[in-house]
Structure formats: structure tokens, C-alpha cells
N, C-alpha and C. Protein backbone atom coordinates (compact mmCIF):
# COMPACT_ATOMS: atom_id res chain seq x y z
N MET A 1 39.01 -13.76 36.42
CA MET A 1 37.70 -14.35 36.72
C MET A 1 36.75 -14.28 35.52
N ASP A 2 36.85 -13.20 34.74
CA ASP A 2 35.99 -13.07 33.56
C ASP A 2 36.25 -14.20 32.57
N GLU A 3 37.52 -14.56 32.40
CA GLU A 3 37.86 -15.63 31.47
C GLU A 3 37.28 -16.96 31.93
N ILE A 4 37.35 -17.21 33.25
CA ILE A 4 36.79 -18.44 33.81
C ILE A 4 35.28 -18.46 33.63
N ARG A 5 34.65 -17.32 33.92
CA ARG A 5 33.20 -17.23 33.78
C ARG A 5 32.77 -17.48 32.33
N LYS A 6 33.47 -16.84 31.40
CA LYS A 6 33.11 -17.02 29.99
C LYS A 6 33.33 -18.45 29.52
N ALA A 7 34.39 -19.09 30.01
CA ALA A 7 34.66 -20.48 29.64
C ALA A 7 33.54 -21.39 30.14
N ALA A 8 33.11 -21.15 31.37
CA ALA A 8 32.03 -21.96 31.94
C ALA A 8 30.72 -21.70 31.21
N TRP A 9 30.46 -20.44 30.90
CA TRP A 9 29.25 -20.09 30.17
C TRP A 9 29.24 -20.71 28.78
N ALA A 10 30.38 -20.75 28.13
CA ALA A 10 30.45 -21.34 26.79
C ALA A 10 30.08 -22.82 26.83
N VAL A 11 30.52 -23.52 27.87
CA VAL A 11 30.17 -24.94 28.02
C VAL A 11 28.67 -25.09 28.29
N GLN A 12 28.14 -24.24 29.17
CA GLN A 12 26.71 -24.28 29.45
C GLN A 12 25.89 -23.98 28.19
N ALA A 13 26.35 -22.99 27.44
CA ALA A 13 25.63 -22.60 26.22
C ALA A 13 25.58 -23.76 25.23
N LYS A 14 26.66 -24.51 25.12
CA LYS A 14 26.70 -25.64 24.21
C LYS A 14 25.61 -26.65 24.55
N THR A 15 25.44 -26.90 25.85
CA THR A 15 24.39 -27.82 26.31
C THR A 15 23.01 -27.27 26.00
N ILE A 16 22.80 -25.99 26.29
CA ILE A 16 21.49 -25.38 26.05
C ILE A 16 21.15 -25.38 24.56
N ILE A 17 22.13 -25.07 23.72
CA ILE A 17 21.90 -25.05 22.27
C ILE A 17 21.49 -26.43 21.77
N LYS A 18 22.12 -27.46 22.28
CA LYS A 18 21.74 -28.83 21.92
C LYS A 18 20.30 -29.10 22.32
N ASN A 19 19.91 -28.64 23.51
CA ASN A 19 18.54 -28.87 23.98
C ASN A 19 17.53 -28.01 23.24
N LEU A 20 17.92 -26.82 22.84
CA LEU A 20 17.04 -25.99 22.02
C LEU A 20 16.72 -26.70 20.70
N LYS A 21 17.73 -27.33 20.11
CA LYS A 21 17.54 -28.05 18.85
C LYS A 21 16.48 -29.13 19.00
N LEU A 22 16.47 -29.82 20.14
CA LEU A 22 15.47 -30.85 20.39
C LEU A 22 14.07 -30.25 20.47
N ARG A 23 14.01 -28.97 20.80
CA ARG A 23 12.74 -28.27 20.95
C ARG A 23 12.36 -27.48 19.69
N ASN A 24 13.07 -27.74 18.60
CA ASN A 24 12.78 -27.11 17.31
C ASN A 24 13.10 -25.63 17.31
N MET A 25 14.07 -25.23 18.13
CA MET A 25 14.54 -23.85 18.16
C MET A 25 16.03 -23.83 17.85
N GLU A 26 16.46 -22.75 17.20
CA GLU A 26 17.87 -22.61 16.81
C GLU A 26 18.61 -21.80 17.87
N GLY A 27 19.77 -22.29 18.28
CA GLY A 27 20.57 -21.59 19.26
C GLY A 27 21.95 -21.25 18.73
N ARG A 28 22.53 -20.18 19.28
CA ARG A 28 23.86 -19.76 18.88
C ARG A 28 24.56 -19.11 20.06
N TRP A 29 25.85 -19.37 20.21
CA TRP A 29 26.65 -18.79 21.28
C TRP A 29 27.46 -17.62 20.72
N CYS A 30 27.44 -16.51 21.44
CA CYS A 30 28.29 -15.36 21.13
C CYS A 30 28.96 -14.91 22.43
N ALA A 31 30.27 -14.80 22.41
CA ALA A 31 31.00 -14.48 23.64
C ALA A 31 30.75 -13.05 24.11
N THR A 32 30.44 -12.16 23.18
CA THR A 32 30.24 -10.75 23.53
C THR A 32 28.97 -10.22 22.89
N ALA A 33 28.53 -9.08 23.39
CA ALA A 33 27.35 -8.42 22.81
C ALA A 33 27.62 -7.97 21.39
N ASP A 34 28.84 -7.52 21.11
CA ASP A 34 29.18 -7.10 19.75
C ASP A 34 29.05 -8.28 18.77
N GLU A 35 29.52 -9.46 19.20
CA GLU A 35 29.37 -10.64 18.36
C GLU A 35 27.90 -10.99 18.16
N ALA A 36 27.11 -10.80 19.20
CA ALA A 36 25.67 -11.10 19.11
C ALA A 36 24.98 -10.17 18.13
N VAL A 37 25.35 -8.90 18.13
CA VAL A 37 24.77 -7.94 17.19
C VAL A 37 25.12 -8.34 15.76
N ALA A 38 26.38 -8.72 15.53
CA ALA A 38 26.80 -9.14 14.19
C ALA A 38 26.03 -10.39 13.75
N ALA A 39 25.83 -11.33 14.69
CA ALA A 39 25.10 -12.56 14.37
C ALA A 39 23.64 -12.25 14.04
N ALA A 40 23.06 -11.33 14.79
CA ALA A 40 21.66 -10.95 14.54
C ALA A 40 21.51 -10.29 13.18
N LEU A 41 22.46 -9.44 12.82
CA LEU A 41 22.39 -8.76 11.52
C LEU A 41 22.59 -9.73 10.36
N ASP A 42 23.28 -10.84 10.63
CA ASP A 42 23.40 -11.89 9.61
C ASP A 42 22.06 -12.58 9.38
N LEU A 43 21.25 -12.67 10.43
CA LEU A 43 19.96 -13.34 10.34
C LEU A 43 18.89 -12.47 9.70
N ILE A 44 18.88 -11.19 10.05
CA ILE A 44 17.78 -10.29 9.67
C ILE A 44 18.11 -9.62 8.35
N GLU A 45 17.38 -9.97 7.32
CA GLU A 45 17.64 -9.42 5.99
C GLU A 45 17.30 -7.94 5.92
N ALA A 46 18.07 -7.21 5.13
CA ALA A 46 17.79 -5.80 4.90
C ALA A 46 16.38 -5.65 4.34
N GLY A 47 15.69 -4.61 4.80
CA GLY A 47 14.32 -4.37 4.37
C GLY A 47 13.28 -5.04 5.22
N SER A 48 13.70 -5.89 6.16
CA SER A 48 12.74 -6.60 7.02
C SER A 48 12.04 -5.63 7.96
N SER A 49 10.80 -5.98 8.31
CA SER A 49 10.08 -5.25 9.35
C SER A 49 10.42 -5.88 10.69
N VAL A 50 10.71 -5.03 11.68
CA VAL A 50 11.20 -5.48 12.98
C VAL A 50 10.40 -4.81 14.08
N THR A 51 9.95 -5.60 15.05
CA THR A 51 9.27 -5.03 16.21
C THR A 51 9.87 -5.63 17.47
N TRP A 52 9.48 -5.09 18.61
CA TRP A 52 10.07 -5.52 19.88
C TRP A 52 9.15 -5.15 21.02
N GLY A 53 9.41 -5.76 22.18
CA GLY A 53 8.69 -5.39 23.40
C GLY A 53 9.52 -4.36 24.15
N GLY A 54 9.51 -4.44 25.46
CA GLY A 54 10.28 -3.48 26.26
C GLY A 54 11.61 -4.03 26.71
N SER A 55 12.31 -4.75 25.84
CA SER A 55 13.51 -5.47 26.21
C SER A 55 14.69 -4.54 26.50
N VAL A 56 15.22 -4.61 27.72
CA VAL A 56 16.44 -3.89 28.07
C VAL A 56 17.64 -4.50 27.34
N SER A 57 17.64 -5.82 27.20
CA SER A 57 18.75 -6.51 26.52
C SER A 57 18.88 -6.05 25.07
N PHE A 58 17.76 -5.82 24.42
CA PHE A 58 17.75 -5.37 23.02
C PHE A 58 18.50 -4.05 22.88
N THR A 59 18.26 -3.14 23.83
CA THR A 59 18.93 -1.83 23.81
C THR A 59 20.36 -1.94 24.31
N GLU A 60 20.53 -2.62 25.43
CA GLU A 60 21.83 -2.70 26.09
C GLU A 60 22.89 -3.39 25.22
N SER A 61 22.47 -4.36 24.44
CA SER A 61 23.40 -5.09 23.58
C SER A 61 23.92 -4.25 22.42
N GLY A 62 23.18 -3.22 22.06
CA GLY A 62 23.52 -2.40 20.91
C GLY A 62 22.77 -2.80 19.65
N LEU A 63 21.95 -3.87 19.73
CA LEU A 63 21.24 -4.34 18.55
C LEU A 63 20.20 -3.34 18.07
N LYS A 64 19.48 -2.72 19.00
CA LYS A 64 18.45 -1.74 18.60
C LYS A 64 19.07 -0.60 17.81
N ALA A 65 20.17 -0.05 18.29
CA ALA A 65 20.84 1.05 17.60
C ALA A 65 21.34 0.61 16.23
N ALA A 66 21.85 -0.62 16.14
CA ALA A 66 22.36 -1.12 14.87
C ALA A 66 21.24 -1.26 13.84
N LEU A 67 20.09 -1.74 14.28
CA LEU A 67 18.95 -1.89 13.36
C LEU A 67 18.40 -0.52 12.95
N GLU A 68 18.34 0.40 13.90
CA GLU A 68 17.84 1.75 13.58
C GLU A 68 18.74 2.45 12.57
N ALA A 69 20.02 2.10 12.59
CA ALA A 69 20.97 2.72 11.65
C ALA A 69 20.98 2.03 10.30
N GLY A 70 20.29 0.90 10.19
CA GLY A 70 20.31 0.12 8.96
C GLY A 70 19.05 0.26 8.13
N ASP A 71 18.93 -0.62 7.15
CA ASP A 71 17.80 -0.58 6.22
C ASP A 71 16.72 -1.55 6.71
N TYR A 72 15.99 -1.12 7.73
CA TYR A 72 14.95 -1.96 8.32
C TYR A 72 13.73 -1.09 8.62
N ARG A 73 12.57 -1.71 8.59
CA ARG A 73 11.33 -1.01 8.94
C ARG A 73 11.06 -1.27 10.42
N MET A 74 11.32 -0.28 11.25
CA MET A 74 11.23 -0.44 12.69
C MET A 74 9.81 -0.11 13.16
N LEU A 75 9.13 -1.09 13.72
CA LEU A 75 7.75 -0.93 14.18
C LEU A 75 7.76 -0.70 15.69
N ASP A 76 7.78 0.56 16.07
CA ASP A 76 7.91 0.97 17.47
C ASP A 76 6.53 1.28 18.04
N ARG A 77 6.08 0.43 18.95
CA ARG A 77 4.73 0.59 19.50
C ARG A 77 4.55 1.93 20.22
N THR A 78 5.63 2.52 20.73
CA THR A 78 5.50 3.78 21.48
C THR A 78 5.19 4.95 20.57
N LYS A 79 5.34 4.77 19.26
CA LYS A 79 5.05 5.86 18.32
C LYS A 79 3.56 5.98 18.00
N ALA A 80 2.78 4.96 18.36
CA ALA A 80 1.34 4.99 18.12
C ALA A 80 0.65 5.72 19.28
N ILE A 81 -0.07 6.78 18.95
CA ILE A 81 -0.67 7.62 20.00
C ILE A 81 -2.20 7.44 20.08
N THR A 82 -2.88 7.61 18.97
CA THR A 82 -4.34 7.51 18.96
C THR A 82 -4.76 6.04 18.95
N ASP A 83 -6.03 5.81 19.24
CA ASP A 83 -6.55 4.44 19.23
C ASP A 83 -6.41 3.81 17.83
N ASP A 84 -6.70 4.61 16.81
CA ASP A 84 -6.58 4.11 15.43
C ASP A 84 -5.13 3.75 15.11
N GLU A 85 -4.21 4.59 15.53
CA GLU A 85 -2.79 4.32 15.30
C GLU A 85 -2.34 3.07 16.04
N LYS A 86 -2.84 2.88 17.25
CA LYS A 86 -2.47 1.70 18.03
C LYS A 86 -3.00 0.42 17.39
N ARG A 87 -4.23 0.47 16.86
CA ARG A 87 -4.78 -0.70 16.18
C ARG A 87 -3.99 -1.03 14.92
N ALA A 88 -3.65 0.01 14.17
CA ALA A 88 -2.87 -0.19 12.95
C ALA A 88 -1.47 -0.71 13.27
N MET A 89 -0.88 -0.17 14.33
CA MET A 89 0.45 -0.62 14.73
C MET A 89 0.41 -2.08 15.15
N TRP A 90 -0.64 -2.47 15.88
CA TRP A 90 -0.73 -3.86 16.31
C TRP A 90 -0.84 -4.80 15.11
N ARG A 91 -1.62 -4.42 14.11
CA ARG A 91 -1.74 -5.26 12.92
C ARG A 91 -0.39 -5.41 12.22
N ASP A 92 0.33 -4.30 12.13
CA ASP A 92 1.66 -4.35 11.50
C ASP A 92 2.62 -5.20 12.31
N ARG A 93 2.59 -5.05 13.61
CA ARG A 93 3.52 -5.79 14.47
C ARG A 93 3.22 -7.28 14.45
N ALA A 94 1.95 -7.63 14.42
CA ALA A 94 1.56 -9.05 14.42
C ALA A 94 2.01 -9.75 13.15
N SER A 95 2.20 -9.00 12.09
CA SER A 95 2.63 -9.60 10.82
C SER A 95 4.07 -9.21 10.48
N ALA A 96 4.83 -8.77 11.47
CA ALA A 96 6.21 -8.35 11.24
C ALA A 96 7.08 -9.54 10.80
N ASP A 97 8.17 -9.22 10.13
CA ASP A 97 9.12 -10.27 9.76
C ASP A 97 9.85 -10.80 10.98
N TRP A 98 10.16 -9.90 11.92
CA TRP A 98 10.93 -10.28 13.09
C TRP A 98 10.39 -9.63 14.37
N LEU A 99 10.30 -10.42 15.42
CA LEU A 99 10.12 -9.92 16.79
C LEU A 99 11.46 -10.10 17.50
N ILE A 100 11.95 -9.02 18.10
CA ILE A 100 13.17 -9.09 18.91
C ILE A 100 12.79 -8.98 20.38
N MET A 101 13.28 -9.88 21.18
CA MET A 101 12.97 -9.87 22.61
C MET A 101 14.10 -10.55 23.35
N SER A 102 14.02 -10.51 24.67
CA SER A 102 14.87 -11.36 25.48
C SER A 102 13.96 -12.38 26.13
N SER A 103 14.49 -13.14 27.05
CA SER A 103 13.67 -14.05 27.84
C SER A 103 13.96 -13.74 29.30
N ASN A 104 12.94 -13.75 30.14
CA ASN A 104 13.17 -13.49 31.55
C ASN A 104 14.10 -14.53 32.17
N ALA A 105 14.03 -15.74 31.63
CA ALA A 105 14.94 -16.81 32.05
C ALA A 105 14.97 -17.87 30.95
N ILE A 106 16.03 -18.66 30.93
CA ILE A 106 16.11 -19.81 30.03
C ILE A 106 16.70 -20.97 30.82
N THR A 107 16.07 -22.12 30.71
CA THR A 107 16.52 -23.26 31.49
C THR A 107 17.65 -24.00 30.77
N GLU A 108 18.36 -24.80 31.54
CA GLU A 108 19.43 -25.59 30.94
C GLU A 108 18.89 -26.59 29.93
N LYS A 109 17.59 -26.89 30.02
CA LYS A 109 16.94 -27.80 29.07
C LYS A 109 16.43 -27.08 27.82
N GLY A 110 16.60 -25.74 27.77
CA GLY A 110 16.20 -24.99 26.59
C GLY A 110 14.79 -24.44 26.62
N GLU A 111 14.17 -24.40 27.77
CA GLU A 111 12.83 -23.82 27.89
C GLU A 111 12.94 -22.31 28.12
N LEU A 112 12.08 -21.54 27.45
CA LEU A 112 12.02 -20.09 27.66
C LEU A 112 10.96 -19.80 28.71
N VAL A 113 11.33 -19.04 29.73
CA VAL A 113 10.44 -18.74 30.84
C VAL A 113 10.18 -17.23 30.86
N ASN A 114 8.91 -16.85 30.73
CA ASN A 114 8.59 -15.42 30.66
C ASN A 114 7.33 -15.08 31.44
N ILE A 115 7.34 -13.90 32.00
CA ILE A 115 6.18 -13.32 32.69
C ILE A 115 5.92 -11.95 32.07
N ASP A 116 4.64 -11.58 31.95
CA ASP A 116 4.30 -10.31 31.32
C ASP A 116 3.08 -9.70 31.99
N GLY A 117 2.94 -8.41 31.80
CA GLY A 117 1.79 -7.71 32.34
C GLY A 117 0.66 -7.66 31.33
N ASN A 118 0.78 -6.80 30.31
CA ASN A 118 -0.25 -6.70 29.28
C ASN A 118 -0.23 -7.88 28.31
N GLY A 119 0.88 -8.59 28.23
CA GLY A 119 0.97 -9.74 27.34
C GLY A 119 1.36 -9.38 25.92
N ASP A 120 1.80 -8.14 25.70
CA ASP A 120 2.13 -7.67 24.35
C ASP A 120 3.23 -8.53 23.72
N ARG A 121 4.39 -8.59 24.32
CA ARG A 121 5.50 -9.31 23.70
C ARG A 121 5.26 -10.82 23.68
N LEU A 122 4.58 -11.33 24.72
CA LEU A 122 4.39 -12.77 24.78
C LEU A 122 3.33 -13.26 23.80
N SER A 123 2.35 -12.42 23.52
CA SER A 123 1.38 -12.80 22.48
C SER A 123 2.08 -12.90 21.13
N LEU A 124 3.06 -12.01 20.88
CA LEU A 124 3.80 -12.04 19.63
C LEU A 124 4.80 -13.20 19.60
N LEU A 125 5.34 -13.55 20.74
CA LEU A 125 6.20 -14.74 20.82
C LEU A 125 5.41 -15.99 20.46
N VAL A 126 4.21 -16.11 21.01
CA VAL A 126 3.41 -17.31 20.79
C VAL A 126 2.94 -17.41 19.35
N HIS A 127 2.52 -16.28 18.77
CA HIS A 127 1.94 -16.35 17.42
C HIS A 127 1.97 -14.98 16.77
N GLY A 128 2.37 -14.94 15.51
CA GLY A 128 2.33 -13.68 14.78
C GLY A 128 3.52 -13.51 13.87
N PRO A 129 4.56 -12.77 14.32
CA PRO A 129 5.71 -12.51 13.45
C PRO A 129 6.32 -13.79 12.89
N GLU A 130 6.84 -13.68 11.67
CA GLU A 130 7.39 -14.86 11.00
C GLU A 130 8.58 -15.44 11.74
N HIS A 131 9.41 -14.56 12.29
CA HIS A 131 10.60 -15.01 13.02
C HIS A 131 10.67 -14.33 14.38
N VAL A 132 11.27 -15.01 15.33
CA VAL A 132 11.51 -14.45 16.67
C VAL A 132 12.99 -14.60 16.98
N LEU A 133 13.61 -13.50 17.42
CA LEU A 133 15.01 -13.54 17.86
C LEU A 133 15.05 -13.21 19.34
N VAL A 134 15.54 -14.16 20.12
CA VAL A 134 15.68 -13.98 21.57
C VAL A 134 17.16 -13.75 21.86
N ILE A 135 17.49 -12.57 22.37
CA ILE A 135 18.87 -12.28 22.73
C ILE A 135 18.96 -12.33 24.25
N CYS A 136 19.77 -13.25 24.75
CA CYS A 136 19.69 -13.60 26.17
C CYS A 136 21.08 -13.71 26.79
N GLY A 137 21.37 -12.85 27.74
CA GLY A 137 22.61 -12.94 28.49
C GLY A 137 22.63 -14.21 29.35
N MET A 138 23.82 -14.74 29.59
CA MET A 138 23.94 -15.98 30.36
C MET A 138 23.60 -15.78 31.83
N ASN A 139 23.44 -14.54 32.26
CA ASN A 139 22.98 -14.27 33.62
C ASN A 139 21.55 -14.77 33.85
N LYS A 140 20.84 -15.10 32.78
CA LYS A 140 19.44 -15.52 32.89
C LYS A 140 19.25 -17.04 32.85
N VAL A 141 20.35 -17.78 32.82
CA VAL A 141 20.25 -19.25 32.79
C VAL A 141 19.89 -19.79 34.17
N VAL A 142 18.93 -20.70 34.19
CA VAL A 142 18.45 -21.31 35.44
C VAL A 142 18.34 -22.82 35.24
N PRO A 143 18.28 -23.58 36.34
CA PRO A 143 18.19 -25.04 36.20
C PRO A 143 16.89 -25.54 35.59
N ASP A 144 15.75 -24.91 35.98
CA ASP A 144 14.45 -25.45 35.57
C ASP A 144 13.40 -24.34 35.56
N VAL A 145 12.19 -24.70 35.16
CA VAL A 145 11.11 -23.73 35.03
C VAL A 145 10.79 -23.06 36.37
N ALA A 146 10.70 -23.85 37.43
CA ALA A 146 10.39 -23.28 38.75
C ALA A 146 11.43 -22.24 39.15
N SER A 147 12.70 -22.54 38.89
CA SER A 147 13.76 -21.58 39.19
C SER A 147 13.65 -20.34 38.31
N GLY A 148 13.19 -20.55 37.07
CA GLY A 148 13.00 -19.42 36.17
C GLY A 148 11.92 -18.47 36.65
N LEU A 149 10.80 -19.02 37.05
CA LEU A 149 9.72 -18.18 37.58
C LEU A 149 10.16 -17.47 38.85
N ALA A 150 10.91 -18.17 39.69
CA ALA A 150 11.42 -17.55 40.92
C ALA A 150 12.39 -16.42 40.58
N ARG A 151 13.21 -16.62 39.57
CA ARG A 151 14.16 -15.58 39.15
C ARG A 151 13.42 -14.33 38.68
N VAL A 152 12.36 -14.52 37.91
CA VAL A 152 11.61 -13.37 37.41
C VAL A 152 11.08 -12.54 38.57
N ARG A 153 10.50 -13.21 39.54
CA ARG A 153 9.89 -12.48 40.66
C ARG A 153 10.94 -11.86 41.59
N ALA A 154 12.06 -12.53 41.75
CA ALA A 154 13.08 -12.04 42.68
C ALA A 154 14.00 -11.00 42.06
N VAL A 155 14.23 -11.11 40.74
CA VAL A 155 15.21 -10.24 40.09
C VAL A 155 14.58 -9.32 39.05
N ALA A 156 13.94 -9.91 38.04
CA ALA A 156 13.48 -9.12 36.90
C ALA A 156 12.37 -8.14 37.26
N CYS A 157 11.37 -8.62 37.99
CA CYS A 157 10.22 -7.74 38.28
C CYS A 157 10.59 -6.55 39.16
N PRO A 158 11.33 -6.72 40.27
CA PRO A 158 11.72 -5.54 41.05
C PRO A 158 12.54 -4.54 40.25
N MET A 159 13.44 -5.05 39.38
CA MET A 159 14.25 -4.15 38.56
C MET A 159 13.38 -3.40 37.55
N ASN A 160 12.49 -4.13 36.89
CA ASN A 160 11.61 -3.49 35.92
C ASN A 160 10.62 -2.54 36.59
N ALA A 161 10.20 -2.89 37.79
CA ALA A 161 9.30 -1.99 38.53
C ALA A 161 9.98 -0.67 38.83
N ALA A 162 11.27 -0.74 39.20
CA ALA A 162 12.02 0.49 39.44
C ALA A 162 12.21 1.29 38.16
N ARG A 163 12.37 0.59 37.05
CA ARG A 163 12.56 1.25 35.75
C ARG A 163 11.27 1.88 35.24
N LEU A 164 10.15 1.18 35.41
CA LEU A 164 8.89 1.60 34.82
C LEU A 164 7.97 2.34 35.79
N HIS A 165 8.34 2.35 37.08
CA HIS A 165 7.52 3.00 38.12
C HIS A 165 6.09 2.47 38.11
N THR A 166 5.96 1.18 38.35
CA THR A 166 4.68 0.48 38.26
C THR A 166 3.75 0.74 39.44
N GLY A 167 4.29 1.23 40.55
CA GLY A 167 3.45 1.41 41.74
C GLY A 167 3.09 0.10 42.42
N THR A 168 3.79 -0.96 42.09
CA THR A 168 3.53 -2.29 42.67
C THR A 168 4.33 -2.47 43.96
N PRO A 169 3.95 -3.45 44.78
CA PRO A 169 4.72 -3.72 46.00
C PRO A 169 6.20 -3.98 45.73
N CYS A 170 6.53 -4.62 44.59
CA CYS A 170 7.94 -4.90 44.33
C CYS A 170 8.73 -3.63 44.04
N GLU A 171 8.06 -2.57 43.60
CA GLU A 171 8.75 -1.29 43.47
C GLU A 171 8.98 -0.67 44.84
N ALA A 172 7.99 -0.79 45.72
CA ALA A 172 8.07 -0.15 47.03
C ALA A 172 9.03 -0.87 47.98
N THR A 173 9.06 -2.22 47.88
CA THR A 173 9.85 -2.99 48.85
C THR A 173 11.06 -3.69 48.23
N GLY A 174 11.05 -3.84 46.92
CA GLY A 174 12.13 -4.56 46.26
C GLY A 174 11.91 -6.06 46.20
N PHE A 175 10.74 -6.51 46.70
CA PHE A 175 10.45 -7.94 46.73
C PHE A 175 9.03 -8.20 46.25
N CYS A 176 8.85 -9.34 45.57
CA CYS A 176 7.53 -9.72 45.07
C CYS A 176 6.58 -10.00 46.22
N ALA A 177 5.33 -9.52 46.08
CA ALA A 177 4.30 -9.76 47.09
C ALA A 177 3.15 -10.59 46.51
N ASP A 178 3.37 -11.19 45.34
CA ASP A 178 2.32 -11.97 44.67
C ASP A 178 1.05 -11.14 44.60
N CYS A 179 1.19 -9.91 44.09
CA CYS A 179 0.13 -8.90 44.20
C CYS A 179 -0.91 -9.01 43.10
N HIS A 180 -1.98 -8.24 43.29
CA HIS A 180 -2.99 -8.03 42.26
C HIS A 180 -3.16 -6.52 42.04
N ALA A 181 -2.04 -5.80 42.10
CA ALA A 181 -2.06 -4.36 41.94
C ALA A 181 -2.41 -3.98 40.50
N ALA A 182 -2.86 -2.75 40.32
CA ALA A 182 -3.26 -2.29 38.98
C ALA A 182 -2.12 -2.41 37.97
N GLY A 183 -0.90 -2.19 38.42
CA GLY A 183 0.25 -2.25 37.52
C GLY A 183 0.99 -3.57 37.55
N CYS A 184 0.32 -4.61 38.03
CA CYS A 184 0.96 -5.92 38.17
C CYS A 184 1.63 -6.36 36.87
N MET A 185 2.88 -6.78 36.97
CA MET A 185 3.62 -7.26 35.80
C MET A 185 3.57 -8.78 35.65
N CYS A 186 2.97 -9.45 36.60
CA CYS A 186 2.97 -10.92 36.62
C CYS A 186 1.58 -11.47 36.26
N CYS A 187 1.01 -10.94 35.20
CA CYS A 187 -0.35 -11.35 34.80
C CYS A 187 -0.33 -12.62 33.94
N GLN A 188 0.69 -12.74 33.10
CA GLN A 188 0.77 -13.87 32.17
C GLN A 188 2.08 -14.62 32.41
N GLU A 189 2.00 -15.93 32.49
CA GLU A 189 3.19 -16.77 32.56
C GLU A 189 3.21 -17.66 31.32
N VAL A 190 4.27 -17.59 30.54
CA VAL A 190 4.37 -18.37 29.31
C VAL A 190 5.67 -19.18 29.34
N ILE A 191 5.54 -20.48 29.20
CA ILE A 191 6.69 -21.37 29.10
C ILE A 191 6.75 -21.89 27.67
N THR A 192 7.79 -21.55 26.96
CA THR A 192 7.96 -22.05 25.60
C THR A 192 8.82 -23.31 25.69
N ARG A 193 8.17 -24.46 25.60
CA ARG A 193 8.88 -25.73 25.73
C ARG A 193 9.17 -26.38 24.38
N HIS A 194 8.51 -25.88 23.33
CA HIS A 194 8.74 -26.43 22.00
C HIS A 194 8.17 -25.45 20.98
N SER A 195 8.83 -25.36 19.82
CA SER A 195 8.32 -24.55 18.72
C SER A 195 7.80 -25.49 17.63
N ARG A 196 6.55 -25.34 17.28
CA ARG A 196 5.98 -26.20 16.25
C ARG A 196 6.57 -25.88 14.88
N HIS A 197 7.06 -24.65 14.72
CA HIS A 197 7.51 -24.19 13.41
C HIS A 197 9.04 -24.10 13.38
N ALA A 198 9.66 -25.04 12.70
CA ALA A 198 11.12 -25.09 12.62
C ALA A 198 11.67 -23.80 12.02
N GLY A 199 12.71 -23.27 12.62
CA GLY A 199 13.36 -22.07 12.10
C GLY A 199 12.70 -20.77 12.50
N ARG A 200 11.62 -20.82 13.27
CA ARG A 200 10.95 -19.57 13.66
C ARG A 200 11.67 -18.89 14.81
N ILE A 201 12.01 -19.64 15.86
CA ILE A 201 12.61 -19.05 17.06
C ILE A 201 14.12 -19.27 17.06
N HIS A 202 14.85 -18.17 17.11
CA HIS A 202 16.31 -18.18 17.19
C HIS A 202 16.73 -17.60 18.54
N VAL A 203 17.63 -18.27 19.22
CA VAL A 203 18.10 -17.81 20.52
C VAL A 203 19.60 -17.56 20.43
N ILE A 204 20.02 -16.33 20.71
CA ILE A 204 21.44 -16.00 20.79
C ILE A 204 21.80 -15.89 22.27
N LEU A 205 22.65 -16.78 22.73
CA LEU A 205 23.14 -16.76 24.11
C LEU A 205 24.43 -15.94 24.15
N VAL A 206 24.47 -14.96 25.01
CA VAL A 206 25.57 -14.00 25.04
C VAL A 206 26.38 -14.17 26.33
N GLY A 207 27.69 -14.21 26.19
CA GLY A 207 28.57 -14.39 27.34
C GLY A 207 28.79 -13.13 28.14
N GLU A 208 27.72 -12.40 28.38
CA GLU A 208 27.73 -11.19 29.21
C GLU A 208 26.43 -11.14 29.99
N SER A 209 26.40 -10.32 31.03
CA SER A 209 25.16 -10.06 31.73
C SER A 209 24.41 -8.97 30.98
N LEU A 210 23.21 -9.32 30.53
CA LEU A 210 22.38 -8.36 29.79
C LEU A 210 21.00 -8.29 30.42
N GLY A 211 20.47 -7.09 30.54
CA GLY A 211 19.11 -6.93 31.04
C GLY A 211 18.94 -7.43 32.45
N PHE A 212 17.67 -7.66 32.79
CA PHE A 212 17.31 -8.10 34.14
C PHE A 212 16.86 -9.54 34.15
């Protein structure tokens, strides 16, 4: 069954990559997470500054560990403690060479569908770092934007709520309540339908289930 799944995903990825190109984004298919890490390291030059949001896919794929073991300047927002450190970290992250993230969903037409709470990673996706690398398991492919938003609320948010202990209804019940709780993760909705800057956004589609 895994071989059948990967074969089907490879065909789907080919279609998505073609559609990403129309949207001024670069796409690449990797059958495994190990291949995706190797592809990412081909893209990211030694000495580059790298930042990231709270991506499970980044860690789960092995890319975070590979970058930490290499010659890269890792800009980890969790290391900033004081207000001054946080402001300095934000300035550094906004001008980083690379932002690494996943996407909550990606449509067959090549649109990136994301929801965020504080808007940290999505503000950097929209504007800031010179390059963006989206590492996305094929488990996140959806037909359209509406399905993508539904996927985030039904799958990603309850899982992340359990991981982060947000105190939101989706943590308590496992289902979205369209809440306005203090820890709400659904504050910002960003649909990336086109990149104005050619070569800025790179999407690696991985033939495995990664993240939520």
C-alpha cells in the first residue's frame, strides 16, 4: 500500500509543482524526508542565517537537526528572553536569509493555506526573509482553499492545541468551536496565491506524512 500511495502522491506532486510555477513559486518532489533534507541543504548555502516558526514538520523531517549540525546561523526565537532580546531577535529574523516553515495545507492548484495565532511565521512568510522554504508532507494536500481552512480547524489546530496546551475549546474537546479564547490559534488566515518575487518561495513536497 505504501508503494501505491507514494506513486499516487508523486503524480499529484507533479501537478502541484506545475501550478506552483504559474504562481511564481518553485516546487520540488522528494519521495522521503531524507531526500527532502538533502534537497534543502542543496538550496541553503553554508553561512546562511536561518529562522523558523513552530513547525513540527521542520523537526520531524530531520532538517532542523541537519542545519544545527552544519555551518548556519540559527535564529531561534525561543532563545530571546528579555524584551530587548526579543526586539533584536525579531529584527534579525525579519532580515534572515531563510525562513523554514511548513504549510497548514496546500491546494492542488498550488495555493498555500495557513492559519496563525500571533502571526509570527506568517508575517515572515508574507514579507521579510530573502528566501522561504516550505517543507510539506503530502498528507496536507487538499482540493481547494475552503478545504484547506477546514483541514486546519479539523486536524491541525486540535493537534497543535494538544501539543501547546492552549486552553482553547479544541484542546478540551478535540474539535474547533470557532472561539475567541485568549489562546486562540485561528487569529490570522493567510492564503498565498502568488509570489511577486520569483525564486523567493520554494516548496518541497514530501512523500510522507509530516506534521499536522
